[in-house]
Protein backbone atom coordinates (compact mmCIF):
# COMPACT_ATOMS: atom_id res chain seq x y z
CA UNK A 1 -6.44 -76.84 2.08
CA UNK A 2 -5.34 -78.25 -1.49
CA UNK A 3 -5.41 -82.67 -1.89
CA UNK A 4 -4.27 -84.34 -4.71
CA UNK A 5 -5.92 -87.70 -5.80
CA UNK A 6 -3.05 -89.43 -4.48
CA UNK A 7 -3.71 -88.19 -1.01
CA UNK A 8 -7.65 -89.35 -0.91
CA UNK A 9 -7.75 -93.08 -0.10
CA UNK A 10 -10.82 -92.59 0.43
CA UNK A 11 -14.09 -90.50 -0.69
CA UNK A 12 -15.41 -87.47 1.18
CA UNK A 13 -18.91 -87.48 2.81
CA UNK A 14 -20.28 -85.84 -0.03
CA UNK A 15 -19.30 -89.07 -1.93
CA UNK A 16 -20.46 -91.26 0.62
CA UNK A 17 -24.17 -89.65 0.71
CA UNK A 18 -24.19 -90.98 -3.50
CA UNK A 19 -22.01 -94.01 -3.28
CA UNK A 20 -24.01 -95.48 -0.82
CA UNK A 21 -27.26 -95.87 -3.29
CA UNK A 22 -25.43 -95.99 -6.93
CA UNK A 23 -27.93 -95.64 -9.76
CA UNK A 24 -30.48 -93.90 -7.82
CA UNK A 25 -30.08 -90.43 -9.81
CA UNK A 26 -31.62 -91.33 -13.16
CA UNK A 27 -34.27 -93.66 -11.74
CA UNK A 28 -35.38 -90.70 -9.45
CA UNK A 29 -35.36 -88.50 -12.57
CA UNK A 30 -37.14 -90.64 -14.19
CA UNK A 31 -39.99 -90.92 -11.70
CA UNK A 32 -40.08 -86.51 -10.92
CA UNK A 33 -40.90 -86.59 -14.76
CA UNK A 34 -43.28 -89.47 -14.99
CA UNK A 35 -45.55 -88.18 -12.14
CA UNK A 36 -45.35 -84.67 -13.70
CA UNK A 37 -47.34 -86.12 -17.07
CA UNK A 38 -49.64 -88.16 -14.52
CA UNK A 39 -50.55 -84.78 -13.45
CA UNK A 40 -51.00 -83.27 -17.10
CA UNK A 41 -52.98 -85.84 -17.94
CA UNK A 42 -54.83 -86.07 -14.58
CA UNK A 43 -55.25 -82.71 -14.42
CA UNK A 44 -57.03 -82.58 -18.00
CA UNK A 45 -59.61 -85.41 -17.70
CA UNK A 46 -60.53 -83.96 -14.71
CA UNK A 47 -61.23 -80.58 -15.80
CA UNK A 48 -62.98 -81.74 -18.60
CA UNK A 49 -65.44 -84.07 -16.35
CA UNK A 50 -65.90 -81.21 -13.87
CA UNK A 51 -66.61 -79.00 -16.28
CA UNK A 52 -69.06 -82.03 -17.95
CA UNK A 53 -70.46 -82.32 -14.35
CA UNK A 54 -71.07 -78.47 -14.29
CA UNK A 55 -73.09 -77.84 -17.37
CA UNK A 56 -75.27 -80.87 -16.99
CA UNK A 57 -76.85 -79.31 -13.49
CA UNK A 58 -77.10 -76.33 -15.74
CA UNK A 59 -80.95 -76.80 -17.28
CA UNK A 60 -80.49 -74.45 -20.19
CA UNK A 61 -77.52 -76.99 -21.41
CA UNK A 62 -79.00 -80.12 -23.07
CA UNK A 63 -76.28 -82.43 -23.15
CA UNK A 64 -75.79 -86.23 -23.45
CA UNK A 65 -73.51 -89.06 -21.87
CA UNK A 66 -69.66 -88.09 -21.43
CA UNK A 67 -69.06 -91.23 -23.73
CA UNK A 68 -70.27 -88.60 -26.51
CA UNK A 69 -67.81 -86.68 -26.09
CA UNK A 70 -64.33 -88.42 -24.76
CA UNK A 71 -62.39 -86.82 -28.03
CA UNK A 72 -62.77 -84.01 -26.82
CA UNK A 73 -60.45 -84.95 -24.09
CA UNK A 74 -58.22 -86.70 -26.09
CA UNK A 75 -57.67 -84.59 -28.48
CA UNK A 76 -57.07 -81.85 -25.92
CA UNK A 77 -54.54 -83.97 -24.12
CA UNK A 78 -52.85 -84.95 -27.40
CA UNK A 79 -52.11 -81.71 -28.36
CA UNK A 80 -51.01 -80.20 -25.07
CA UNK A 81 -48.50 -83.33 -24.30
CA UNK A 82 -47.07 -82.10 -27.56
CA UNK A 83 -46.99 -78.86 -26.57
CA UNK A 84 -45.57 -79.35 -23.34
CA UNK A 85 -42.70 -81.70 -24.67
CA UNK A 86 -41.32 -79.45 -27.32
CA UNK A 87 -41.49 -76.74 -24.66
CA UNK A 88 -38.80 -78.17 -21.96
CA UNK A 89 -42.37 -78.80 -19.75
CA UNK A 90 -40.90 -82.03 -18.67
CA UNK A 91 -37.53 -81.27 -18.06
CA UNK A 92 -38.00 -79.47 -14.62
CA UNK A 93 -34.22 -80.80 -13.01
CA UNK A 94 -34.04 -77.22 -11.29
CA UNK A 95 -36.77 -75.10 -9.20
CA UNK A 96 -38.30 -72.40 -10.85
CA UNK A 97 -40.77 -70.34 -9.68
CA UNK A 98 -44.71 -71.39 -9.49
CA UNK A 99 -45.42 -67.82 -10.99
CA UNK A 100 -43.30 -68.18 -14.11
CA UNK A 101 -44.91 -71.92 -14.78
CA UNK A 102 -48.18 -70.27 -14.10
CA UNK A 103 -48.09 -67.70 -17.30
CA UNK A 104 -46.56 -70.96 -19.38
CA UNK A 105 -49.43 -72.98 -18.12
CA UNK A 106 -52.26 -70.53 -19.42
CA UNK A 107 -50.52 -69.49 -22.77
CA UNK A 108 -49.63 -73.39 -22.99
CA UNK A 109 -53.06 -74.17 -22.68
CA UNK A 110 -54.75 -71.08 -24.61
CA UNK A 111 -52.51 -72.48 -27.90
CA UNK A 112 -54.01 -75.88 -26.78
CA UNK A 113 -57.70 -75.22 -26.66
CA UNK A 114 -57.12 -72.96 -30.35
CA UNK A 115 -55.55 -76.02 -31.83
CA UNK A 116 -58.04 -78.90 -30.66
CA UNK A 117 -61.03 -76.54 -31.76
CA UNK A 118 -58.77 -76.55 -35.30
CA UNK A 119 -58.31 -79.99 -35.39
CA UNK A 120 -61.89 -81.51 -34.77
CA UNK A 121 -62.55 -79.10 -36.54
CA UNK A 122 -60.96 -80.46 -39.58
CA UNK A 123 -60.89 -83.72 -38.92
CA UNK A 124 -64.26 -84.09 -37.14
CA UNK A 125 -66.60 -82.47 -38.79
CA UNK A 126 -69.49 -84.73 -37.34
CA UNK A 127 -68.44 -84.13 -33.91
CA UNK A 128 -70.82 -82.00 -31.50
CA UNK A 129 -69.50 -79.86 -28.97
CA UNK A 130 -70.84 -77.15 -27.00
CA UNK A 131 -68.15 -73.61 -26.98
CA UNK A 132 -68.86 -73.42 -24.02
CA UNK A 133 -67.47 -77.20 -22.72
CA UNK A 134 -64.30 -76.14 -24.50
CA UNK A 135 -63.44 -73.06 -22.21
CA UNK A 136 -64.30 -74.29 -19.30
CA UNK A 137 -62.49 -77.03 -19.52
CA UNK A 138 -59.66 -75.87 -20.26
CA UNK A 139 -60.11 -73.06 -17.67
CA UNK A 140 -60.17 -76.14 -15.12
CA UNK A 141 -57.90 -77.62 -16.44
CA UNK A 142 -55.19 -73.95 -15.93
CA UNK A 143 -56.04 -74.55 -12.47
CA UNK A 144 -55.78 -78.04 -11.46
CA UNK A 145 -52.60 -78.69 -13.57
CA UNK A 146 -51.05 -75.59 -11.52
CA UNK A 147 -52.45 -76.74 -8.62
CA UNK A 148 -51.32 -80.27 -9.36
CA UNK A 149 -47.92 -78.82 -10.54
CA UNK A 150 -47.59 -76.71 -7.67
CA UNK A 151 -47.80 -79.64 -5.28
CA UNK A 152 -45.35 -81.96 -7.41
CA UNK A 153 -42.63 -79.10 -7.20
CA UNK A 154 -43.00 -78.96 -3.48
CA UNK A 155 -42.77 -82.40 -3.20
CA UNK A 156 -39.68 -82.84 -5.64
CA UNK A 157 -37.85 -80.24 -4.11
CA UNK A 158 -38.31 -81.77 -0.88
CA UNK A 159 -36.77 -85.48 -2.25
CA UNK A 160 -33.89 -83.40 -3.74
CA UNK A 161 -33.04 -81.29 -0.87
CA UNK A 162 -33.12 -84.92 1.00
CA UNK A 163 -30.29 -86.11 -1.29
CA UNK A 164 -33.01 -87.62 -3.38
CA UNK A 165 -32.73 -87.94 -7.64
CA UNK A 166 -29.56 -84.97 -7.03
CA UNK A 167 -26.70 -84.04 -9.01
CA UNK A 168 -23.18 -84.56 -8.22
CA UNK A 169 -21.59 -81.22 -9.07
CA UNK A 170 -17.54 -80.36 -9.06
CA UNK A 171 -17.08 -76.40 -8.91
CA UNK A 172 -14.15 -74.95 -10.69
CA UNK A 173 -13.28 -71.69 -9.57
CA UNK A 174 -11.76 -71.44 -5.69
CA UNK A 175 -12.17 -67.26 -5.46
CA UNK A 176 -15.07 -64.76 -4.73
CA UNK A 177 -16.90 -66.28 -7.33
CA UNK A 178 -16.61 -69.90 -6.71
CA UNK A 179 -17.17 -69.73 -2.70
CA UNK A 180 -20.63 -67.00 -4.28
CA UNK A 181 -21.56 -70.21 -6.53
CA UNK A 182 -20.75 -72.73 -3.11
CA UNK A 183 -23.11 -70.89 -0.97
CA UNK A 184 -25.81 -70.26 -3.30
CA UNK A 185 -25.92 -74.12 -3.83
CA UNK A 186 -25.61 -75.08 0.10
CA UNK A 187 -28.36 -72.23 0.66
CA UNK A 188 -30.72 -73.94 -1.23
CA UNK A 189 -30.63 -77.64 -1.15
CA UNK A 190 -33.92 -77.99 -3.01
CA UNK A 191 -31.80 -76.86 -6.23
CA UNK A 192 -30.86 -80.84 -6.56
CA UNK A 193 -26.71 -80.42 -6.33
CA UNK A 194 -24.31 -82.10 -3.83
CA UNK A 195 -20.89 -80.53 -4.92
CA UNK A 196 -17.94 -83.07 -4.60
CA UNK A 197 -15.58 -80.72 -4.19
CA UNK A 198 -13.67 -77.59 -5.94
CA UNK A 199 -11.17 -77.20 -8.32
CA UNK A 200 -8.54 -74.54 -8.16
CA UNK A 201 -8.42 -73.22 -11.95
CA UNK A 202 -5.00 -71.06 -11.26
CA UNK A 203 -6.41 -68.39 -13.51
CA UNK A 204 -5.03 -65.51 -10.75
CA UNK A 205 -8.00 -65.81 -8.77
CA UNK A 206 -7.19 -64.78 -4.97
CA UNK A 207 -8.00 -68.98 -3.31
CA UNK A 208 -10.27 -68.58 -0.23
CA UNK A 209 -9.55 -70.97 3.09
CA UNK A 210 -13.20 -70.94 4.26
CA UNK A 211 -14.12 -72.55 1.32
CA UNK A 212 -17.26 -75.23 2.77
CA UNK A 213 -16.31 -78.43 -0.11
CA UNK A 214 -12.74 -80.02 -0.29
CA UNK A 215 -10.45 -78.65 -2.89
CA UNK A 216 -9.57 -81.63 -4.68
CA UNK A 217 -6.89 -80.34 -7.56
CA UNK A 218 -6.21 -78.12 -10.29
CA UNK A 219 -7.63 -78.20 -13.64
CA UNK A 220 -4.98 -80.99 -15.40
CA UNK A 221 -7.13 -83.26 -12.39
CA UNK A 222 -10.80 -82.09 -13.75
CA UNK A 223 -11.23 -85.72 -16.84
CA UNK A 224 -9.45 -88.31 -13.50
CA UNK A 225 -11.83 -86.13 -10.88
CA UNK A 226 -15.18 -86.45 -12.99
CA UNK A 227 -14.68 -90.19 -13.40
CA UNK A 228 -13.57 -91.04 -9.51
CA UNK A 229 -16.26 -89.31 -8.02
CA UNK A 230 -19.45 -89.96 -10.70
CA UNK A 231 -19.60 -85.98 -11.29
CA UNK A 232 -23.03 -85.54 -13.02
CA UNK A 233 -22.13 -81.64 -13.83
CA UNK A 234 -19.73 -79.71 -13.82
CA UNK A 235 -20.51 -75.75 -12.87
CA UNK A 236 -17.06 -73.32 -14.19
CA UNK A 237 -17.63 -70.32 -11.34
CA UNK A 238 -14.71 -67.96 -13.86
CA UNK A 239 -16.07 -64.90 -15.28
CA UNK A 240 -12.73 -63.16 -15.72
CA UNK A 241 -11.22 -66.51 -17.99
CA UNK A 242 -10.47 -65.68 -21.48
CA UNK A 243 -13.10 -67.08 -24.19
CA UNK A 244 -9.40 -69.54 -24.90
CA UNK A 245 -8.98 -70.48 -21.54
CA UNK A 246 -13.06 -71.24 -21.31
CA UNK A 247 -12.66 -73.67 -24.25
CA UNK A 248 -9.81 -75.47 -22.88
CA UNK A 249 -11.74 -76.57 -19.70
CA UNK A 250 -14.64 -77.08 -21.11
CA UNK A 251 -12.95 -79.72 -23.76
CA UNK A 252 -11.44 -81.49 -20.49
CA UNK A 253 -15.29 -81.76 -19.02
CA UNK A 254 -16.38 -82.71 -22.55
CA UNK A 255 -14.33 -85.59 -22.90
CA UNK A 256 -16.63 -87.13 -19.77
CA UNK A 257 -19.95 -86.81 -21.33
CA UNK A 258 -20.82 -84.25 -18.12
CA UNK A 259 -23.62 -80.94 -17.91
CA UNK A 260 -21.59 -78.29 -18.25
CA UNK A 261 -22.25 -74.59 -17.10
CA UNK A 262 -20.88 -71.37 -17.31
CA UNK A 263 -21.38 -68.43 -14.91
CA UNK A 264 -21.14 -65.84 -17.22
CA UNK A 265 -18.76 -62.24 -16.95
CA UNK A 266 -20.70 -59.03 -18.27
CA UNK A 267 -20.87 -59.07 -22.36
CA UNK A 268 -22.47 -63.10 -22.14
CA UNK A 269 -25.20 -61.01 -20.42
CA UNK A 270 -24.67 -58.59 -22.81
CA UNK A 271 -25.16 -60.73 -25.29
CA UNK A 272 -27.64 -63.29 -24.48
CA UNK A 273 -29.63 -61.86 -27.26
CA UNK A 274 -27.19 -61.99 -30.16
CA UNK A 275 -29.04 -61.20 -33.89
CA UNK A 276 -27.09 -61.39 -37.32
CA UNK A 277 -27.99 -58.36 -39.72
CA UNK A 278 -26.41 -57.13 -42.75
CA UNK A 279 -24.97 -53.55 -43.84
CA UNK A 280 -24.88 -53.18 -47.86
CA UNK A 281 -24.51 -57.06 -48.18
CA UNK A 282 -21.79 -56.99 -44.92
CA UNK A 283 -22.53 -59.02 -41.77
CA UNK A 284 -23.36 -57.59 -38.37
CA UNK A 285 -24.11 -58.40 -35.24
CA UNK A 286 -26.59 -57.14 -33.15
CA UNK A 287 -25.30 -57.35 -29.64
CA UNK A 288 -28.14 -54.74 -28.15
CA UNK A 289 -31.14 -53.85 -29.80
CA UNK A 290 -32.96 -51.67 -27.01
CA UNK A 291 -35.93 -53.36 -25.62
CA UNK A 292 -37.70 -50.38 -24.17
CA UNK A 293 -38.14 -47.61 -27.17
CA UNK A 294 -40.87 -46.09 -28.77
CA UNK A 295 -44.75 -47.16 -28.59
CA UNK A 296 -43.53 -49.26 -25.26
CA UNK A 297 -42.37 -46.13 -23.54
CA UNK A 298 -45.74 -44.50 -23.48
CA UNK A 299 -47.29 -48.01 -22.52
CA UNK A 300 -45.17 -48.55 -19.29
CA UNK A 301 -45.54 -44.99 -18.20
CA UNK A 302 -49.39 -45.95 -18.78
CA UNK A 303 -48.63 -48.08 -16.67
CA UNK A 304 -47.01 -46.85 -13.91
CA UNK A 305 -49.55 -44.04 -13.92
CA UNK A 306 -52.18 -45.74 -13.68
CA UNK A 307 -50.83 -47.87 -11.00
CA UNK A 308 -48.86 -45.27 -8.46
CA UNK A 309 -52.64 -43.57 -8.72
CA UNK A 310 -54.49 -46.49 -8.24
CA UNK A 311 -51.71 -47.34 -5.34
CA UNK A 312 -51.86 -44.23 -3.75
CA UNK A 313 -55.64 -43.78 -3.36
CA UNK A 314 -55.99 -47.34 -2.09
CA UNK A 315 -52.95 -47.17 0.72
CA UNK A 316 -53.58 -44.10 1.88
CA UNK A 317 -55.33 -44.51 4.89
CA UNK A 318 -52.37 -47.20 5.62
CA UNK A 319 -50.25 -44.35 5.21
CA UNK A 320 -51.64 -41.77 7.09
CA UNK A 321 -51.67 -44.26 9.87
CA UNK A 322 -47.84 -45.43 9.11
CA UNK A 323 -46.93 -41.83 9.38
CA UNK A 324 -48.59 -41.31 12.73
CA UNK A 325 -46.52 -44.37 13.79
CA UNK A 326 -44.22 -42.91 13.04
CA UNK A 327 -44.04 -39.50 14.80
CA UNK A 328 -44.93 -42.10 17.92
CA UNK A 329 -42.11 -44.03 17.88
CA UNK A 330 -39.46 -41.73 17.83
CA UNK A 331 -38.25 -37.95 17.15
CA UNK A 332 -37.66 -36.43 14.17
CA UNK A 333 -40.17 -36.04 10.69
CA UNK A 334 -41.88 -38.81 8.84
CA UNK A 335 -40.45 -38.87 5.56
CA UNK A 336 -36.89 -38.43 4.47
CA UNK A 337 -35.39 -37.72 1.53
CA UNK A 338 -32.61 -39.00 0.17
CA UNK A 339 -31.00 -37.55 -3.53
CA UNK A 340 -30.55 -40.96 -5.85
CA UNK A 341 -29.41 -40.52 -9.44
CA UNK A 342 -32.00 -42.01 -12.33
CA UNK A 343 -33.00 -42.16 -15.67
CA UNK A 344 -29.73 -40.78 -17.78
CA UNK A 345 -27.71 -40.47 -14.37
CA UNK A 346 -29.74 -37.05 -13.28
CA UNK A 347 -30.14 -36.83 -10.02
CA UNK A 348 -33.62 -36.76 -8.03
CA UNK A 349 -34.78 -36.50 -4.70
CA UNK A 350 -36.70 -40.08 -3.35
CA UNK A 351 -38.75 -40.31 -0.42
CA UNK A 352 -39.33 -42.62 2.25
CA UNK A 353 -40.62 -43.11 5.15
CA UNK A 354 -38.17 -42.51 7.79
CA UNK A 355 -37.15 -46.14 9.17
CA UNK A 356 -34.01 -44.67 10.93
CA UNK A 357 -33.34 -42.04 13.66
CA UNK A 358 -32.98 -39.04 12.51
CA UNK A 359 -29.30 -38.74 12.90
CA UNK A 360 -28.47 -41.95 11.56
CA UNK A 361 -25.74 -40.26 8.91
CA UNK A 362 -24.00 -37.80 11.22
CA UNK A 363 -21.19 -40.08 10.41
CA UNK A 364 -21.52 -40.22 6.59
CA UNK A 365 -23.25 -42.82 4.16
CA UNK A 366 -23.21 -46.50 4.71
CA UNK A 367 -25.04 -49.50 4.07
CA UNK A 368 -28.07 -51.02 6.19
CA UNK A 369 -27.22 -53.55 7.78
CA UNK A 370 -29.34 -56.95 9.29
CA UNK A 371 -28.51 -55.03 12.59
CA UNK A 372 -28.41 -52.20 12.27
CA UNK A 373 -28.06 -49.93 15.54
CA UNK A 374 -30.06 -47.04 13.59
CA UNK A 375 -32.94 -48.60 12.69
CA UNK A 376 -35.89 -47.53 15.06
CA UNK A 377 -38.07 -50.17 16.63
CA UNK A 378 -41.03 -49.56 14.07
CA UNK A 379 -38.50 -48.81 11.42
CA UNK A 380 -37.58 -52.70 11.39
CA UNK A 381 -40.90 -53.98 10.86
CA UNK A 382 -41.47 -51.66 7.98
CA UNK A 383 -37.95 -52.00 6.06
CA UNK A 384 -38.92 -56.20 6.25
CA UNK A 385 -42.21 -55.60 5.04
CA UNK A 386 -41.38 -52.95 2.23
CA UNK A 387 -43.78 -50.17 4.09
CA UNK A 388 -41.43 -47.91 4.43
CA UNK A 389 -40.74 -47.66 0.06
CA UNK A 390 -44.70 -46.89 -0.08
CA UNK A 391 -44.84 -43.00 -0.66
CA UNK A 392 -42.05 -43.93 -3.67
CA UNK A 393 -45.65 -43.71 -5.40
CA UNK A 394 -45.13 -40.00 -5.80
CA UNK A 395 -41.91 -40.70 -7.70
CA UNK A 396 -43.70 -42.87 -9.69
CA UNK A 397 -46.40 -40.77 -10.66
CA UNK A 398 -44.33 -37.58 -11.30
CA UNK A 399 -42.13 -38.99 -13.49
CA UNK A 400 -38.88 -39.87 -11.37
CA UNK A 401 -39.26 -43.60 -11.47
CA UNK A 402 -41.21 -46.34 -12.70
CA UNK A 403 -42.56 -48.67 -10.91
CA UNK A 404 -40.15 -51.49 -12.31
CA UNK A 405 -36.65 -50.91 -13.20
CA UNK A 406 -33.09 -51.04 -11.89
CA UNK A 407 -32.80 -49.41 -8.08
CA UNK A 408 -31.27 -46.02 -8.11
CA UNK A 409 -28.19 -45.40 -5.91
CA UNK A 410 -27.07 -42.78 -4.29
CA UNK A 411 -24.48 -40.28 -6.26
CA UNK A 412 -21.59 -41.38 -4.14
CA UNK A 413 -21.98 -45.00 -4.18
CA UNK A 414 -22.05 -44.58 -8.24
CA UNK A 415 -18.86 -42.39 -8.30
CA UNK A 416 -17.37 -45.60 -6.98
CA UNK A 417 -20.01 -48.41 -8.85
CA UNK A 418 -19.12 -46.74 -11.61
CA UNK A 419 -14.65 -47.15 -11.36
CA UNK A 420 -14.83 -51.37 -10.68
CA UNK A 421 -17.95 -52.61 -12.54
CA UNK A 422 -17.87 -52.53 -16.25
CA UNK A 423 -21.25 -51.34 -17.81
CA UNK A 424 -22.21 -49.89 -14.78
CA UNK A 425 -23.35 -46.95 -15.97
CA UNK A 426 -26.16 -48.98 -18.01
CA UNK A 427 -28.61 -48.77 -15.45
CA UNK A 428 -29.60 -45.75 -16.09
CA UNK A 429 -30.81 -45.89 -19.40
CA UNK A 430 -33.91 -46.60 -18.30
CA UNK A 431 -36.06 -45.09 -15.03
CA UNK A 432 -35.37 -45.93 -11.56
CA UNK A 433 -38.10 -48.66 -10.11
CA UNK A 434 -39.52 -49.36 -7.37
CA UNK A 435 -38.37 -52.60 -7.57
CA UNK A 436 -36.89 -54.55 -9.92
CA UNK A 437 -35.53 -57.96 -11.11
CA UNK A 438 -32.35 -57.61 -9.11
CA UNK A 439 -34.59 -57.56 -6.09
CA UNK A 440 -37.20 -59.97 -5.96
CA UNK A 441 -34.26 -62.51 -6.86
CA UNK A 442 -32.50 -61.75 -3.25
CA UNK A 443 -30.85 -59.77 -4.42
CA UNK A 444 -31.04 -55.97 -1.68
CA UNK A 445 -29.86 -54.09 0.42
CA UNK A 446 -25.66 -54.71 1.27
CA UNK A 447 -25.41 -57.80 -1.49
CA UNK A 448 -22.84 -57.57 -4.36
CA UNK A 449 -23.29 -54.79 -7.02
CA UNK A 450 -21.57 -56.63 -9.63
CA UNK A 451 -24.09 -59.38 -10.04
CA UNK A 452 -27.28 -56.63 -9.08
CA UNK A 453 -25.92 -55.22 -12.08
CA UNK A 454 -25.45 -58.11 -13.95
CA UNK A 455 -29.48 -58.89 -13.56
CA UNK A 456 -30.56 -55.07 -13.90
CA UNK A 457 -28.31 -55.21 -17.76
CA UNK A 458 -30.41 -58.64 -18.21
CA UNK A 459 -33.50 -56.76 -17.26
CA UNK A 460 -33.41 -53.50 -19.48
CA UNK A 461 -31.87 -55.89 -22.49
CA UNK A 462 -35.39 -58.17 -22.06
CA UNK A 463 -37.54 -56.45 -21.03
CA UNK A 464 -41.74 -56.46 -21.74
CA UNK A 465 -44.79 -55.90 -20.17
CA UNK A 466 -45.13 -59.31 -18.85
CA UNK A 467 -41.86 -59.40 -17.76
CA UNK A 468 -42.83 -55.85 -15.53
CA UNK A 469 -46.40 -57.67 -14.69
CA UNK A 470 -44.06 -60.87 -13.04
CA UNK A 471 -42.30 -58.39 -10.98
CA UNK A 472 -45.04 -56.77 -9.96
CA UNK A 473 -46.73 -59.67 -8.55
CA UNK A 474 -43.57 -61.60 -7.24
CA UNK A 475 -42.93 -58.43 -5.22
CA UNK A 476 -45.90 -58.15 -3.82
CA UNK A 477 -45.96 -62.21 -2.86
CA UNK A 478 -42.85 -61.48 -1.63
CA UNK A 479 -44.26 -58.48 0.81
CA UNK A 480 -47.30 -60.26 1.86
CA UNK A 481 -45.96 -63.48 3.06
CA UNK A 482 -42.81 -61.62 4.23
CA UNK A 483 -40.30 -63.67 2.12
CA UNK A 484 -38.06 -60.95 0.89
CA UNK A 485 -34.36 -62.04 1.68
CA UNK A 486 -32.02 -59.07 2.29
CA UNK A 487 -34.92 -57.05 3.48
CA UNK A 488 -33.06 -55.30 6.13
């Protein structure tokens, strides 16, 4: 039920949690950042001390006291801290994956090593050091710093989940998008968000009755709500609003000096990498510059062939055992083939291990649900750990699919989605994938097709070899540890 400001004589439960400890937010954020700096500094000096100790034990290296080499870790420390600050490595207010951070640590430490050697060569020409000392010190710094940041992140997320250093958030939008954002925040307390309430924007959205936070008022109340509840951040969940409406809402929030985040629409996802060019002197905006073309296509195809072939050879004994267990578990064929839409919307037959009863689709196609009675006992386990997808390595090897890309859908669903989701067919500009950016972010199974499409479009527009490798590693880790969300 919507409540106006005058109706609320006492703060709700969200506000009471915050009002009992005023000021802790900024102190906690500063402590998180200071602790992260200490982790980095400690990792550098511990790494170079370890490198020195290891080299000194080696009789092939004649090396003096550690005090003679203090300039090396000192210069390395100064350069790395500058790079980390410039690349926002200390602004970790929201969770990032450990794998993403590891890639950054490797890249920035490599740059630091090169800059350190260059600066020592230019500024301290008489300084003598072993190249092995630099390489080993930098390598150990990467290992120590990565481990230290993982521990720091876990402790920070645990603290934020308990309300320490969290942000008070006002959510604008009481429709389906607002509900989705609210559920995300509720399901992930380590994000460090405490939702004080939701504002009904009155923009033609369909208000939901079962919101897990109070409905505080309308748009005109936003400035007063920000002041009354000490809001730190405003999240606007109105992707279908006009640009002018968003500007008006943002102007209301800007008066109160709070952080503003906007849930994007499809065009904003599409135009995330806008560049400016010209046509005979006339300015043009390049909204879409296809990332995967030319030699990159050959590289991606080469990765697909090599990795799928190696995977089939290594996993063949395991796949043979799986086939035997399927035959023993339930009547029916071992493999299940189904028509899916691939590159340029061309149909192909996808191959999977059968995880459902052989008569599962006698009543027509349907989405799999968590407690789907059509699944076999073995099938439920296979789907949990993606074992049923392994035969698709054959699809990758023959060229129907790629290791990474948008997951292919059945033609009957494609025809439905293309009518209601803008740019849905743009997913078919690239080969369908065994895994994808949407899947490693939990958008699989019976989840929002709109959101999955946005992730797929982002992947297509921002493709890189490094991104593919990161997605593959995350897929493998999620499969091994059974952390696949919505895997059923």
